[in-house]
Amino acid sequence: MQEEMTERRDRSHPPRCTAARDDRRIVYMAVMERSATSRTITQQMQSVTHQLLSTGTIRHSLRQSGMSAKRPYLWLPLTGNHRCFSHQWCDEWWPWTTKWNYIVFTDESHFCLKHRDGRIRV
């Protein structure tokens, strides 16, 4: 190489396999069904357009439109109204002292006492 004789070449990218119309359709499917995964959107797009698309292509077009992947809620978050009802319930049942020794609150956790079932415990 000679000094100052280098130049930067444009990088080659693979050709796009979706048109702008397909990208809009992908975003529309993701917005209309918020719990849809990239795999289900891929299957829906293949049934509509009869074109083989990968889940990476779906994720890429969603990322380009400003959408990001999020994990779904495993439970509903508590609101102020839920907390208010919980306090009302506690105020109503606080004199029930003799039976509280036999009650366990678990927050819907799974307990397995006899054998391991491979689940992650809380």
PDB file of N, CA and C in Angstrom:
ATOM      1  N   MET A   1       0.843  -1.193   0.000  1.00  0.00           N
ATOM      2  CA  MET A   1       0.000   0.000   0.000  1.00  0.00           C
ATOM      3  C   MET A   1       0.879   1.244   0.000  1.00  0.00           C
ATOM      4  N   GLN A   2       0.520   2.164  -0.789  1.00  0.00           N
ATOM      5  CA  GLN A   2       1.238   3.431  -0.799  1.00  0.00           C
ATOM      6  C   GLN A   2       0.552   4.400   0.150  1.00  0.00           C
ATOM      7  N   GLU A   3       1.263   5.324   0.611  1.00  0.00           N
ATOM      8  CA  GLU A   3       0.736   6.279   1.565  1.00  0.00           C
ATOM      9  C   GLU A   3      -0.329   7.149   0.904  1.00  0.00           C
ATOM     10  N   GLU A   4      -1.481   7.331   1.607  1.00  0.00           N
ATOM     11  CA  GLU A   4      -2.600   8.160   1.181  1.00  0.00           C
ATOM     12  C   GLU A   4      -3.227   7.682  -0.128  1.00  0.00           C
ATOM     13  N   MET A   5      -3.142   6.422  -0.419  1.00  0.00           N
ATOM     14  CA  MET A   5      -3.748   5.899  -1.638  1.00  0.00           C
ATOM     15  C   MET A   5      -4.888   4.921  -1.328  1.00  0.00           C
ATOM     16  N   THR A   6      -5.395   4.959  -0.098  1.00  0.00           N
ATOM     17  CA  THR A   6      -6.483   4.045   0.248  1.00  0.00           C
ATOM     18  C   THR A   6      -7.802   4.794   0.207  1.00  0.00           C
ATOM     19  N   GLU A   7      -8.828   4.118  -0.111  1.00  0.00           N
ATOM     20  CA  GLU A   7     -10.162   4.712  -0.076  1.00  0.00           C
ATOM     21  C   GLU A   7     -11.137   3.683   0.484  1.00  0.00           C
ATOM     22  N   ARG A   8     -12.166   4.177   1.072  1.00  0.00           N
ATOM     23  CA  ARG A   8     -13.144   3.321   1.736  1.00  0.00           C
ATOM     24  C   ARG A   8     -14.196   2.892   0.716  1.00  0.00           C
ATOM     25  N   ARG A   9     -14.412   1.612   0.623  1.00  0.00           N
ATOM     26  CA  ARG A   9     -15.430   1.092  -0.291  1.00  0.00           C
ATOM     27  C   ARG A   9     -16.753   0.933   0.446  1.00  0.00           C
ATOM     28  N   ASP A  10     -17.826   1.036  -0.297  1.00  0.00           N
ATOM     29  CA  ASP A  10     -19.139   0.788   0.278  1.00  0.00           C
ATOM     30  C   ASP A  10     -19.267  -0.701   0.558  1.00  0.00           C
ATOM     31  N   ARG A  11     -19.854  -1.005   1.672  1.00  0.00           N
ATOM     32  CA  ARG A  11     -20.047  -2.400   2.025  1.00  0.00           C
ATOM     33  C   ARG A  11     -21.267  -2.936   1.310  1.00  0.00           C
ATOM     34  N   SER A  12     -21.190  -4.165   0.927  1.00  0.00           N
ATOM     35  CA  SER A  12     -22.338  -4.765   0.252  1.00  0.00           C
ATOM     36  C   SER A  12     -23.259  -5.383   1.299  1.00  0.00           C
ATOM     37  N   HIS A  13     -24.519  -5.178   1.134  1.00  0.00           N
ATOM     38  CA  HIS A  13     -25.537  -5.730   2.018  1.00  0.00           C
ATOM     39  C   HIS A  13     -26.389  -6.690   1.213  1.00  0.00           C
ATOM     40  N   PRO A  14     -26.954  -7.682   1.869  1.00  0.00           N
ATOM     41  CA  PRO A  14     -27.853  -8.556   1.124  1.00  0.00           C
ATOM     42  C   PRO A  14     -29.084  -7.769   0.675  1.00  0.00           C
ATOM     43  N   PRO A  15     -29.652  -8.116  -0.437  1.00  0.00           N
ATOM     44  CA  PRO A  15     -30.826  -7.368  -0.919  1.00  0.00           C
ATOM     45  C   PRO A  15     -32.009  -7.555   0.022  1.00  0.00           C
ATOM     46  N   ARG A  16     -32.831  -6.532   0.097  1.00  0.00           N
ATOM     47  CA  ARG A  16     -34.018  -6.602   0.950  1.00  0.00           C
ATOM     48  C   ARG A  16     -35.006  -7.596   0.363  1.00  0.00           C
ATOM     49  N   CYS A  17     -35.595  -8.399   1.238  1.00  0.00           N
ATOM     50  CA  CYS A  17     -36.571  -9.372   0.751  1.00  0.00           C
ATOM     51  C   CYS A  17     -38.000  -8.902   1.030  1.00  0.00           C
ATOM     52  N   THR A  18     -38.146  -7.748   1.681  1.00  0.00           N
ATOM     53  CA  THR A  18     -39.477  -7.189   1.899  1.00  0.00           C
ATOM     54  C   THR A  18     -39.535  -5.786   1.316  1.00  0.00           C
ATOM     55  N   ALA A  19     -40.674  -5.457   0.791  1.00  0.00           N
ATOM     56  CA  ALA A  19     -40.892  -4.105   0.271  1.00  0.00           C
ATOM     57  C   ALA A  19     -41.430  -3.225   1.397  1.00  0.00           C
ATOM     58  N   ALA A  20     -41.553  -1.961   1.135  1.00  0.00           N
ATOM     59  CA  ALA A  20     -42.065  -1.032   2.149  1.00  0.00           C
ATOM     60  C   ALA A  20     -43.490  -1.403   2.543  1.00  0.00           C
ATOM     61  N   ARG A  21     -44.268  -1.885   1.592  1.00  0.00           N
ATOM     62  CA  ARG A  21     -45.642  -2.294   1.880  1.00  0.00           C
ATOM     63  C   ARG A  21     -45.655  -3.485   2.837  1.00  0.00           C
ATOM     64  N   ASP A  22     -44.748  -4.444   2.620  1.00  0.00           N
ATOM     65  CA  ASP A  22     -44.659  -5.598   3.516  1.00  0.00           C
ATOM     66  C   ASP A  22     -44.224  -5.168   4.913  1.00  0.00           C
ATOM     67  N   ASP A  23     -43.305  -4.216   4.993  1.00  0.00           N
ATOM     68  CA  ASP A  23     -42.865  -3.719   6.293  1.00  0.00           C
ATOM     69  C   ASP A  23     -44.022  -3.072   7.051  1.00  0.00           C
ATOM     70  N   ARG A  24     -44.835  -2.302   6.341  1.00  0.00           N
ATOM     71  CA  ARG A  24     -46.002  -1.694   6.985  1.00  0.00           C
ATOM     72  C   ARG A  24     -46.981  -2.759   7.464  1.00  0.00           C
ATOM     73  N   ARG A  25     -47.142  -3.815   6.693  1.00  0.00           N
ATOM     74  CA  ARG A  25     -48.048  -4.905   7.077  1.00  0.00           C
ATOM     75  C   ARG A  25     -47.520  -5.625   8.317  1.00  0.00           C
ATOM     76  N   ILE A  26     -46.209  -5.828   8.388  1.00  0.00           N
ATOM     77  CA  ILE A  26     -45.597  -6.479   9.555  1.00  0.00           C
ATOM     78  C   ILE A  26     -45.818  -5.639  10.810  1.00  0.00           C
ATOM     79  N   VAL A  27     -45.598  -4.329  10.699  1.00  0.00           N
ATOM     80  CA  VAL A  27     -45.803  -3.431  11.838  1.00  0.00           C
ATOM     81  C   VAL A  27     -47.267  -3.430  12.243  1.00  0.00           C
ATOM     82  N   TYR A  28     -48.167  -3.430  11.279  1.00  0.00           N
ATOM     83  CA  TYR A  28     -49.600  -3.452  11.569  1.00  0.00           C
ATOM     84  C   TYR A  28     -49.974  -4.712  12.320  1.00  0.00           C
ATOM     85  N   MET A  29     -49.447  -5.864  11.900  1.00  0.00           N
ATOM     86  CA  MET A  29     -49.740  -7.125  12.589  1.00  0.00           C
ATOM     87  C   MET A  29     -49.224  -7.102  14.025  1.00  0.00           C
ATOM     88  N   ALA A  30     -48.040  -6.528  14.214  1.00  0.00           N
ATOM     89  CA  ALA A  30     -47.463  -6.474  15.555  1.00  0.00           C
ATOM     90  C   ALA A  30     -48.239  -5.520  16.458  1.00  0.00           C
ATOM     91  N   VAL A  31     -48.757  -4.432  15.902  1.00  0.00           N
ATOM     92  CA  VAL A  31     -49.497  -3.466  16.707  1.00  0.00           C
ATOM     93  C   VAL A  31     -50.877  -4.005  17.044  1.00  0.00           C
ATOM     94  N   MET A  32     -51.523  -4.661  16.107  1.00  0.00           N
ATOM     95  CA  MET A  32     -52.868  -5.164  16.343  1.00  0.00           C
ATOM     96  C   MET A  32     -52.896  -6.325  17.325  1.00  0.00           C
ATOM     97  N   GLU A  33     -51.881  -7.148  17.306  1.00  0.00           N
ATOM     98  CA  GLU A  33     -51.821  -8.273  18.246  1.00  0.00           C
ATOM     99  C   GLU A  33     -50.529  -8.137  19.050  1.00  0.00           C
ATOM    100  N   ARG A  34     -50.630  -7.476  20.194  1.00  0.00           N
ATOM    101  CA  ARG A  34     -49.446  -7.120  20.977  1.00  0.00           C
ATOM    102  C   ARG A  34     -48.704  -8.338  21.527  1.00  0.00           C
ATOM    103  N   SER A  35     -49.383  -9.468  21.682  1.00  0.00           N
ATOM    104  CA  SER A  35     -48.722 -10.645  22.242  1.00  0.00           C
ATOM    105  C   SER A  35     -48.146 -11.553  21.161  1.00  0.00           C
ATOM    106  N   ALA A  36     -48.180 -11.123  19.906  1.00  0.00           N
ATOM    107  CA  ALA A  36     -47.677 -11.953  18.807  1.00  0.00           C
ATOM    108  C   ALA A  36     -46.158 -11.996  18.825  1.00  0.00           C
ATOM    109  N   THR A  37     -45.616 -13.175  18.602  1.00  0.00           N
ATOM    110  CA  THR A  37     -44.166 -13.326  18.513  1.00  0.00           C
ATOM    111  C   THR A  37     -43.739 -13.171  17.060  1.00  0.00           C
ATOM    112  N   SER A  38     -42.438 -13.071  16.847  1.00  0.00           N
ATOM    113  CA  SER A  38     -41.946 -12.940  15.475  1.00  0.00           C
ATOM    114  C   SER A  38     -42.248 -14.212  14.670  1.00  0.00           C
ATOM    115  N   ARG A  39     -42.300 -15.345  15.332  1.00  0.00           N
ATOM    116  CA  ARG A  39     -42.623 -16.598  14.642  1.00  0.00           C
ATOM    117  C   ARG A  39     -44.073 -16.614  14.147  1.00  0.00           C
ATOM    118  N   THR A  40     -45.015 -16.130  14.974  1.00  0.00           N
ATOM    119  CA  THR A  40     -46.413 -16.105  14.528  1.00  0.00           C
ATOM    120  C   THR A  40     -46.616 -15.074  13.418  1.00  0.00           C
ATOM    121  N   ILE A  41     -45.922 -13.938  13.508  1.00  0.00           N
ATOM    122  CA  ILE A  41     -46.026 -12.939  12.440  1.00  0.00           C
ATOM    123  C   ILE A  41     -45.441 -13.500  11.151  1.00  0.00           C
ATOM    124  N   THR A  42     -44.355 -14.267  11.250  1.00  0.00           N
ATOM    125  CA  THR A  42     -43.760 -14.905  10.074  1.00  0.00           C
ATOM    126  C   THR A  42     -44.753 -15.852   9.416  1.00  0.00           C
ATOM    127  N   GLN A  43     -45.435 -16.654  10.219  1.00  0.00           N
ATOM    128  CA  GLN A  43     -46.422 -17.587   9.664  1.00  0.00           C
ATOM    129  C   GLN A  43     -47.582 -16.845   9.011  1.00  0.00           C
ATOM    130  N   GLN A  44     -48.038 -15.763   9.634  1.00  0.00           N
ATOM    131  CA  GLN A  44     -49.129 -14.977   9.047  1.00  0.00           C
ATOM    132  C   GLN A  44     -48.699 -14.328   7.738  1.00  0.00           C
ATOM    133  N   MET A  45     -47.482 -13.784   7.711  1.00  0.00           N
ATOM    134  CA  MET A  45     -46.985 -13.156   6.482  1.00  0.00           C
ATOM    135  C   MET A  45     -46.826 -14.182   5.363  1.00  0.00           C
ATOM    136  N   GLN A  46     -46.375 -15.376   5.682  1.00  0.00           N
ATOM    137  CA  GLN A  46     -46.216 -16.407   4.659  1.00  0.00           C
ATOM    138  C   GLN A  46     -47.559 -16.841   4.105  1.00  0.00           C
ATOM    139  N   SER A  47     -48.597 -16.868   4.966  1.00  0.00           N
ATOM    140  CA  SER A  47     -49.914 -17.241   4.459  1.00  0.00           C
ATOM    141  C   SER A  47     -50.517 -16.138   3.592  1.00  0.00           C
ATOM    142  N   VAL A  48     -50.148 -14.871   3.847  1.00  0.00           N
ATOM    143  CA  VAL A  48     -50.694 -13.755   3.080  1.00  0.00           C
ATOM    144  C   VAL A  48     -49.921 -13.541   1.779  1.00  0.00           C
ATOM    145  N   THR A  49     -48.586 -13.493   1.872  1.00  0.00           N
ATOM    146  CA  THR A  49     -47.788 -13.122   0.707  1.00  0.00           C
ATOM    147  C   THR A  49     -47.203 -14.309  -0.050  1.00  0.00           C
ATOM    148  N   HIS A  50     -47.269 -15.515   0.525  1.00  0.00           N
ATOM    149  CA  HIS A  50     -46.699 -16.730  -0.088  1.00  0.00           C
ATOM    150  C   HIS A  50     -45.210 -16.552  -0.367  1.00  0.00           C
ATOM    151  N   GLN A  51     -44.526 -15.836   0.530  1.00  0.00           N
ATOM    152  CA  GLN A  51     -43.105 -15.574   0.403  1.00  0.00           C
ATOM    153  C   GLN A  51     -42.435 -16.061   1.684  1.00  0.00           C
ATOM    154  N   LEU A  52     -41.323 -16.778   1.553  1.00  0.00           N
ATOM    155  CA  LEU A  52     -40.628 -17.296   2.718  1.00  0.00           C
ATOM    156  C   LEU A  52     -39.842 -16.175   3.390  1.00  0.00           C
ATOM    157  N   LEU A  53     -40.161 -15.896   4.642  1.00  0.00           N
ATOM    158  CA  LEU A  53     -39.471 -14.886   5.429  1.00  0.00           C
ATOM    159  C   LEU A  53     -38.936 -15.537   6.694  1.00  0.00           C
ATOM    160  N   SER A  54     -37.836 -15.030   7.185  1.00  0.00           N
ATOM    161  CA  SER A  54     -37.292 -15.552   8.440  1.00  0.00           C
ATOM    162  C   SER A  54     -37.763 -14.682   9.600  1.00  0.00           C
ATOM    163  N   THR A  55     -37.643 -15.228  10.807  1.00  0.00           N
ATOM    164  CA  THR A  55     -38.022 -14.441  11.982  1.00  0.00           C
ATOM    165  C   THR A  55     -37.063 -13.270  12.169  1.00  0.00           C
ATOM    166  N   GLY A  56     -35.816 -13.433  11.740  1.00  0.00           N
ATOM    167  CA  GLY A  56     -34.861 -12.329  11.817  1.00  0.00           C
ATOM    168  C   GLY A  56     -35.272 -11.165  10.938  1.00  0.00           C
ATOM    169  N   THR A  57     -35.818 -11.468   9.762  1.00  0.00           N
ATOM    170  CA  THR A  57     -36.304 -10.414   8.864  1.00  0.00           C
ATOM    171  C   THR A  57     -37.452  -9.657   9.524  1.00  0.00           C
ATOM    172  N   ILE A  58     -38.347 -10.378  10.177  1.00  0.00           N
ATOM    173  CA  ILE A  58     -39.472  -9.744  10.865  1.00  0.00           C
ATOM    174  C   ILE A  58     -38.951  -8.848  11.977  1.00  0.00           C
ATOM    175  N   ARG A  59     -38.025  -9.361  12.782  1.00  0.00           N
ATOM    176  CA  ARG A  59     -37.471  -8.565  13.876  1.00  0.00           C
ATOM    177  C   ARG A  59     -36.745  -7.333  13.353  1.00  0.00           C
ATOM    178  N   HIS A  60     -36.032  -7.488  12.256  1.00  0.00           N
ATOM    179  CA  HIS A  60     -35.292  -6.366  11.677  1.00  0.00           C
ATOM    180  C   HIS A  60     -36.242  -5.266  11.201  1.00  0.00           C
ATOM    181  N   SER A  61     -37.315  -5.640  10.532  1.00  0.00           N
ATOM    182  CA  SER A  61     -38.251  -4.617  10.055  1.00  0.00           C
ATOM    183  C   SER A  61     -38.993  -3.960  11.219  1.00  0.00           C
ATOM    184  N   LEU A  62     -39.267  -4.724  12.285  1.00  0.00           N
ATOM    185  CA  LEU A  62     -39.905  -4.112  13.459  1.00  0.00           C
ATOM    186  C   LEU A  62     -38.945  -3.158  14.162  1.00  0.00           C
ATOM    187  N   ARG A  63     -37.668  -3.528  14.248  1.00  0.00           N
ATOM    188  CA  ARG A  63     -36.668  -2.662  14.861  1.00  0.00           C
ATOM    189  C   ARG A  63     -36.488  -1.382  14.057  1.00  0.00           C
ATOM    190  N   GLN A  64     -36.524  -1.485  12.728  1.00  0.00           N
ATOM    191  CA  GLN A  64     -36.380  -0.296  11.889  1.00  0.00           C
ATOM    192  C   GLN A  64     -37.547   0.666  12.058  1.00  0.00           C
ATOM    193  N   SER A  65     -38.712   0.134  12.391  1.00  0.00           N
ATOM    194  CA  SER A  65     -39.872   1.007  12.574  1.00  0.00           C
ATOM    195  C   SER A  65     -39.950   1.570  13.988  1.00  0.00           C
ATOM    196  N   GLY A  66     -38.995   1.210  14.850  1.00  0.00           N
ATOM    197  CA  GLY A  66     -38.964   1.777  16.192  1.00  0.00           C
ATOM    198  C   GLY A  66     -39.588   0.902  17.256  1.00  0.00           C
ATOM    199  N   MET A  67     -40.001  -0.296  16.909  1.00  0.00           N
ATOM    200  CA  MET A  67     -40.597  -1.194  17.890  1.00  0.00           C
ATOM    201  C   MET A  67     -39.501  -2.077  18.474  1.00  0.00           C
ATOM    202  N   SER A  68     -39.630  -2.404  19.749  1.00  0.00           N
ATOM    203  CA  SER A  68     -38.650  -3.268  20.387  1.00  0.00           C
ATOM    204  C   SER A  68     -39.371  -4.429  21.062  1.00  0.00           C
ATOM    205  N   ALA A  69     -38.649  -5.489  21.293  1.00  0.00           N
ATOM    206  CA  ALA A  69     -39.229  -6.673  21.923  1.00  0.00           C
ATOM    207  C   ALA A  69     -39.336  -6.454  23.423  1.00  0.00           C
ATOM    208  N   LYS A  70     -40.426  -6.918  23.981  1.00  0.00           N
ATOM    209  CA  LYS A  70     -40.643  -6.813  25.413  1.00  0.00           C
ATOM    210  C   LYS A  70     -41.125  -8.158  25.933  1.00  0.00           C
ATOM    211  N   ARG A  71     -40.813  -8.439  27.164  1.00  0.00           N
ATOM    212  CA  ARG A  71     -41.279  -9.678  27.768  1.00  0.00           C
ATOM    213  C   ARG A  71     -42.712  -9.467  28.241  1.00  0.00           C
ATOM    214  N   PRO A  72     -43.582 -10.445  28.044  1.00  0.00           N
ATOM    215  CA  PRO A  72     -44.962 -10.289  28.505  1.00  0.00           C
ATOM    216  C   PRO A  72     -45.041 -10.353  30.029  1.00  0.00           C
ATOM    217  N   TYR A  73     -46.072  -9.728  30.580  1.00  0.00           N
ATOM    218  CA  TYR A  73     -46.288  -9.794  32.016  1.00  0.00           C
ATOM    219  C   TYR A  73     -46.626 -11.221  32.414  1.00  0.00           C
ATOM    220  N   LEU A  74     -46.051 -11.693  33.497  1.00  0.00           N
ATOM    221  CA  LEU A  74     -46.434 -12.988  34.043  1.00  0.00           C
ATOM    222  C   LEU A  74     -47.633 -12.840  34.963  1.00  0.00           C
ATOM    223  N   TRP A  75     -47.840 -11.645  35.467  1.00  0.00           N
ATOM    224  CA  TRP A  75     -48.987 -11.329  36.299  1.00  0.00           C
ATOM    225  C   TRP A  75     -49.317  -9.867  36.079  1.00  0.00           C
ATOM    226  N   LEU A  76     -50.489  -9.480  36.471  1.00  0.00           N
ATOM    227  CA  LEU A  76     -50.890  -8.086  36.318  1.00  0.00           C
ATOM    228  C   LEU A  76     -50.301  -7.261  37.452  1.00  0.00           C
ATOM    229  N   PRO A  77     -49.743  -6.114  37.159  1.00  0.00           N
ATOM    230  CA  PRO A  77     -49.217  -5.272  38.237  1.00  0.00           C
ATOM    231  C   PRO A  77     -50.355  -4.711  39.085  1.00  0.00           C
ATOM    232  N   LEU A  78     -50.090  -4.549  40.381  1.00  0.00           N
ATOM    233  CA  LEU A  78     -51.111  -4.040  41.281  1.00  0.00           C
ATOM    234  C   LEU A  78     -51.271  -2.533  41.102  1.00  0.00           C
ATOM    235  N   THR A  79     -52.504  -2.103  41.068  1.00  0.00           N
ATOM    236  CA  THR A  79     -52.795  -0.676  40.987  1.00  0.00           C
ATOM    237  C   THR A  79     -53.192  -0.173  42.365  1.00  0.00           C
ATOM    238  N   GLY A  80     -53.406   1.106  42.479  1.00  0.00           N
ATOM    239  CA  GLY A  80     -53.853   1.682  43.750  1.00  0.00           C
ATOM    240  C   GLY A  80     -55.196   1.128  44.176  1.00  0.00           C
ATOM    241  N   ASN A  81     -56.053   0.843  43.197  1.00  0.00           N
ATOM    242  CA  ASN A  81     -57.373   0.283  43.494  1.00  0.00           C
ATOM    243  C   ASN A  81     -57.236  -1.121  44.092  1.00  0.00           C
ATOM    244  N   HIS A  82     -56.312  -1.935  43.554  1.00  0.00           N
ATOM    245  CA  HIS A  82     -56.091  -3.274  44.106  1.00  0.00           C
ATOM    246  C   HIS A  82     -55.608  -3.185  45.550  1.00  0.00           C
ATOM    247  N   ARG A  83     -54.702  -2.262  45.820  1.00  0.00           N
ATOM    248  CA  ARG A  83     -54.178  -2.102  47.173  1.00  0.00           C
ATOM    249  C   ARG A  83     -55.281  -1.667  48.138  1.00  0.00           C
ATOM    250  N   CYS A  84     -56.151  -0.811  47.668  1.00  0.00           N
ATOM    251  CA  CYS A  84     -57.265  -0.346  48.494  1.00  0.00           C
ATOM    252  C   CYS A  84     -58.179  -1.514  48.867  1.00  0.00           C
ATOM    253  N   PHE A  85     -58.511  -2.371  47.885  1.00  0.00           N
ATOM    254  CA  PHE A  85     -59.348  -3.541  48.170  1.00  0.00           C
ATOM    255  C   PHE A  85     -58.652  -4.509  49.118  1.00  0.00           C
ATOM    256  N   SER A  86     -57.343  -4.647  48.983  1.00  0.00           N
ATOM    257  CA  SER A  86     -56.594  -5.530  49.865  1.00  0.00           C
ATOM    258  C   SER A  86     -56.636  -5.015  51.303  1.00  0.00           C
ATOM    259  N   HIS A  87     -56.480  -3.711  51.485  1.00  0.00           N
ATOM    260  CA  HIS A  87     -56.549  -3.135  52.828  1.00  0.00           C
ATOM    261  C   HIS A  87     -57.952  -3.266  53.416  1.00  0.00           C
ATOM    262  N   GLN A  88     -58.968  -3.095  52.586  1.00  0.00           N
ATOM    263  CA  GLN A  88     -60.338  -3.267  53.070  1.00  0.00           C
ATOM    264  C   GLN A  88     -60.572  -4.695  53.533  1.00  0.00           C
ATOM    265  N   TRP A  89     -60.056  -5.661  52.779  1.00  0.00           N
ATOM    266  CA  TRP A  89     -60.219  -7.068  53.146  1.00  0.00           C
ATOM    267  C   TRP A  89     -59.527  -7.350  54.479  1.00  0.00           C
ATOM    268  N   CYS A  90     -58.302  -6.805  54.649  1.00  0.00           N
ATOM    269  CA  CYS A  90     -57.565  -7.008  55.900  1.00  0.00           C
ATOM    270  C   CYS A  90     -58.292  -6.375  57.083  1.00  0.00           C
ATOM    271  N   ASP A  91     -58.844  -5.181  56.874  1.00  0.00           N
ATOM    272  CA  ASP A  91     -59.584  -4.530  57.950  1.00  0.00           C
ATOM    273  C   ASP A  91     -60.831  -5.315  58.331  1.00  0.00           C
ATOM    274  N   GLU A  92     -61.431  -5.967  57.352  1.00  0.00           N
ATOM    275  CA  GLU A  92     -62.645  -6.729  57.605  1.00  0.00           C
ATOM    276  C   GLU A  92     -62.358  -8.016  58.377  1.00  0.00           C
ATOM    277  N   TRP A  93     -61.224  -8.652  58.115  1.00  0.00           N
ATOM    278  CA  TRP A  93     -60.948  -9.966  58.699  1.00  0.00           C
ATOM    279  C   TRP A  93     -59.914  -9.947  59.824  1.00  0.00           C
ATOM    280  N   TRP A  94     -59.476  -8.799  60.302  1.00  0.00           N
ATOM    281  CA  TRP A  94     -58.446  -8.773  61.338  1.00  0.00           C
ATOM    282  C   TRP A  94     -58.907  -9.392  62.655  1.00  0.00           C
ATOM    283  N   PRO A  95     -60.210  -9.363  63.052  1.00  0.00           N
ATOM    284  CA  PRO A  95     -60.555  -9.991  64.333  1.00  0.00           C
ATOM    285  C   PRO A  95     -60.546 -11.528  64.294  1.00  0.00           C
ATOM    286  N   TRP A  96     -60.297 -12.112  63.173  1.00  0.00           N
ATOM    287  CA  TRP A  96     -60.350 -13.567  62.981  1.00  0.00           C
ATOM    288  C   TRP A  96     -59.030 -14.192  63.438  1.00  0.00           C
ATOM    289  N   THR A  97     -58.608 -13.941  64.660  1.00  0.00           N
ATOM    290  CA  THR A  97     -57.260 -14.275  65.137  1.00  0.00           C
ATOM    291  C   THR A  97     -57.050 -15.762  65.370  1.00  0.00           C
ATOM    292  N   THR A  98     -58.057 -16.520  65.742  1.00  0.00           N
ATOM    293  CA  THR A  98     -57.834 -17.927  66.080  1.00  0.00           C
ATOM    294  C   THR A  98     -57.519 -18.772  64.857  1.00  0.00           C
ATOM    295  N   LYS A  99     -58.008 -18.421  63.685  1.00  0.00           N
ATOM    296  CA  LYS A  99     -57.806 -19.240  62.493  1.00  0.00           C
ATOM    297  C   LYS A  99     -56.623 -18.791  61.638  1.00  0.00           C
ATOM    298  N   TRP A 100     -56.029 -17.605  61.936  1.00  0.00           N
ATOM    299  CA  TRP A 100     -54.914 -17.121  61.116  1.00  0.00           C
ATOM    300  C   TRP A 100     -53.669 -17.980  61.266  1.00  0.00           C
ATOM    301  N   ASN A 101     -53.565 -18.759  62.334  1.00  0.00           N
ATOM    302  CA  ASN A 101     -52.394 -19.622  62.522  1.00  0.00           C
ATOM    303  C   ASN A 101     -52.343 -20.758  61.512  1.00  0.00           C
ATOM    304  N   TYR A 102     -53.447 -21.062  60.846  1.00  0.00           N
ATOM    305  CA  TYR A 102     -53.517 -22.183  59.908  1.00  0.00           C
ATOM    306  C   TYR A 102     -53.562 -21.744  58.449  1.00  0.00           C
ATOM    307  N   ILE A 103     -53.369 -20.461  58.172  1.00  0.00           N
ATOM    308  CA  ILE A 103     -53.463 -19.931  56.813  1.00  0.00           C
ATOM    309  C   ILE A 103     -52.087 -19.499  56.333  1.00  0.00           C
ATOM    310  N   VAL A 104     -51.759 -19.870  55.078  1.00  0.00           N
ATOM    311  CA  VAL A 104     -50.488 -19.492  54.468  1.00  0.00           C
ATOM    312  C   VAL A 104     -50.789 -18.744  53.184  1.00  0.00           C
ATOM    313  N   PHE A 105     -50.188 -17.579  53.002  1.00  0.00           N
ATOM    314  CA  PHE A 105     -50.314 -16.824  51.762  1.00  0.00           C
ATOM    315  C   PHE A 105     -49.117 -17.154  50.889  1.00  0.00           C
ATOM    316  N   THR A 106     -49.355 -17.563  49.647  1.00  0.00           N
ATOM    317  CA  THR A 106     -48.256 -18.040  48.812  1.00  0.00           C
ATOM    318  C   THR A 106     -47.981 -17.180  47.589  1.00  0.00           C
ATOM    319  N   ASP A 107     -48.780 -16.191  47.285  1.00  0.00           N
ATOM    320  CA  ASP A 107     -48.636 -15.404  46.057  1.00  0.00           C
ATOM    321  C   ASP A 107     -48.652 -16.300  44.830  1.00  0.00           C
ATOM    322  N   GLU A 108     -49.452 -17.329  44.876  1.00  0.00           N
ATOM    323  CA  GLU A 108     -49.643 -18.279  43.773  1.00  0.00           C
ATOM    324  C   GLU A 108     -48.349 -18.958  43.353  1.00  0.00           C
ATOM    325  N   SER A 109     -47.480 -19.249  44.289  1.00  0.00           N
ATOM    326  CA  SER A 109     -46.256 -19.979  43.983  1.00  0.00           C
ATOM    327  C   SER A 109     -46.551 -21.471  43.917  1.00  0.00           C
ATOM    328  N   HIS A 110     -45.723 -22.176  43.179  1.00  0.00           N
ATOM    329  CA  HIS A 110     -45.892 -23.616  43.007  1.00  0.00           C
ATOM    330  C   HIS A 110     -45.009 -24.335  44.012  1.00  0.00           C
ATOM    331  N   PHE A 111     -45.582 -25.243  44.786  1.00  0.00           N
ATOM    332  CA  PHE A 111     -44.815 -26.019  45.758  1.00  0.00           C
ATOM    333  C   PHE A 111     -44.956 -27.491  45.429  1.00  0.00           C
ATOM    334  N   CYS A 112     -43.846 -28.181  45.409  1.00  0.00           N
ATOM    335  CA  CYS A 112     -43.838 -29.615  45.137  1.00  0.00           C
ATOM    336  C   CYS A 112     -43.060 -30.273  46.274  1.00  0.00           C
ATOM    337  N   LEU A 113     -43.740 -31.059  47.115  1.00  0.00           N
ATOM    338  CA  LEU A 113     -43.120 -31.590  48.315  1.00  0.00           C
ATOM    339  C   LEU A 113     -42.516 -32.980  48.130  1.00  0.00           C
ATOM    340  N   LYS A 114     -43.004 -33.774  47.178  1.00  0.00           N
ATOM    341  CA  LYS A 114     -42.591 -35.169  47.096  1.00  0.00           C
ATOM    342  C   LYS A 114     -41.455 -35.428  46.112  1.00  0.00           C
ATOM    343  N   HIS A 115     -41.414 -34.748  44.994  1.00  0.00           N
ATOM    344  CA  HIS A 115     -40.397 -35.012  43.993  1.00  0.00           C
ATOM    345  C   HIS A 115     -40.059 -33.715  43.250  1.00  0.00           C
ATOM    346  N   ARG A 116     -38.966 -33.735  42.512  1.00  0.00           N
ATOM    347  CA  ARG A 116     -38.583 -32.572  41.705  1.00  0.00           C
ATOM    348  C   ARG A 116     -39.293 -32.640  40.366  1.00  0.00           C
ATOM    349  N   ASP A 117     -39.825 -31.531  39.924  1.00  0.00           N
ATOM    350  CA  ASP A 117     -40.478 -31.508  38.616  1.00  0.00           C
ATOM    351  C   ASP A 117     -39.771 -30.601  37.623  1.00  0.00           C
ATOM    352  N   GLY A 118     -38.590 -30.062  37.978  1.00  0.00           N
ATOM    353  CA  GLY A 118     -37.808 -29.276  37.035  1.00  0.00           C
ATOM    354  C   GLY A 118     -38.208 -27.836  36.904  1.00  0.00           C
ATOM    355  N   ARG A 119     -39.158 -27.371  37.680  1.00  0.00           N
ATOM    356  CA  ARG A 119     -39.583 -25.979  37.587  1.00  0.00           C
ATOM    357  C   ARG A 119     -38.716 -25.088  38.457  1.00  0.00           C
ATOM    358  N   ILE A 120     -38.590 -23.852  38.085  1.00  0.00           N
ATOM    359  CA  ILE A 120     -37.837 -22.891  38.868  1.00  0.00           C
ATOM    360  C   ILE A 120     -38.725 -22.401  39.997  1.00  0.00           C
ATOM    361  N   ARG A 121     -38.182 -22.407  41.181  1.00  0.00           N
ATOM    362  CA  ARG A 121     -38.955 -22.020  42.351  1.00  0.00           C
ATOM    363  C   ARG A 121     -38.776 -20.538  42.647  1.00  0.00           C
ATOM    364  N   VAL A 122     -39.775 -19.977  43.262  1.00  0.00           N
ATOM    365  CA  VAL A 122     -39.733 -18.574  43.661  1.00  0.00           C
ATOM    366  C   VAL A 122     -39.198 -18.490  45.082  1.00  0.00           C
TER     367      VAL A 122
END
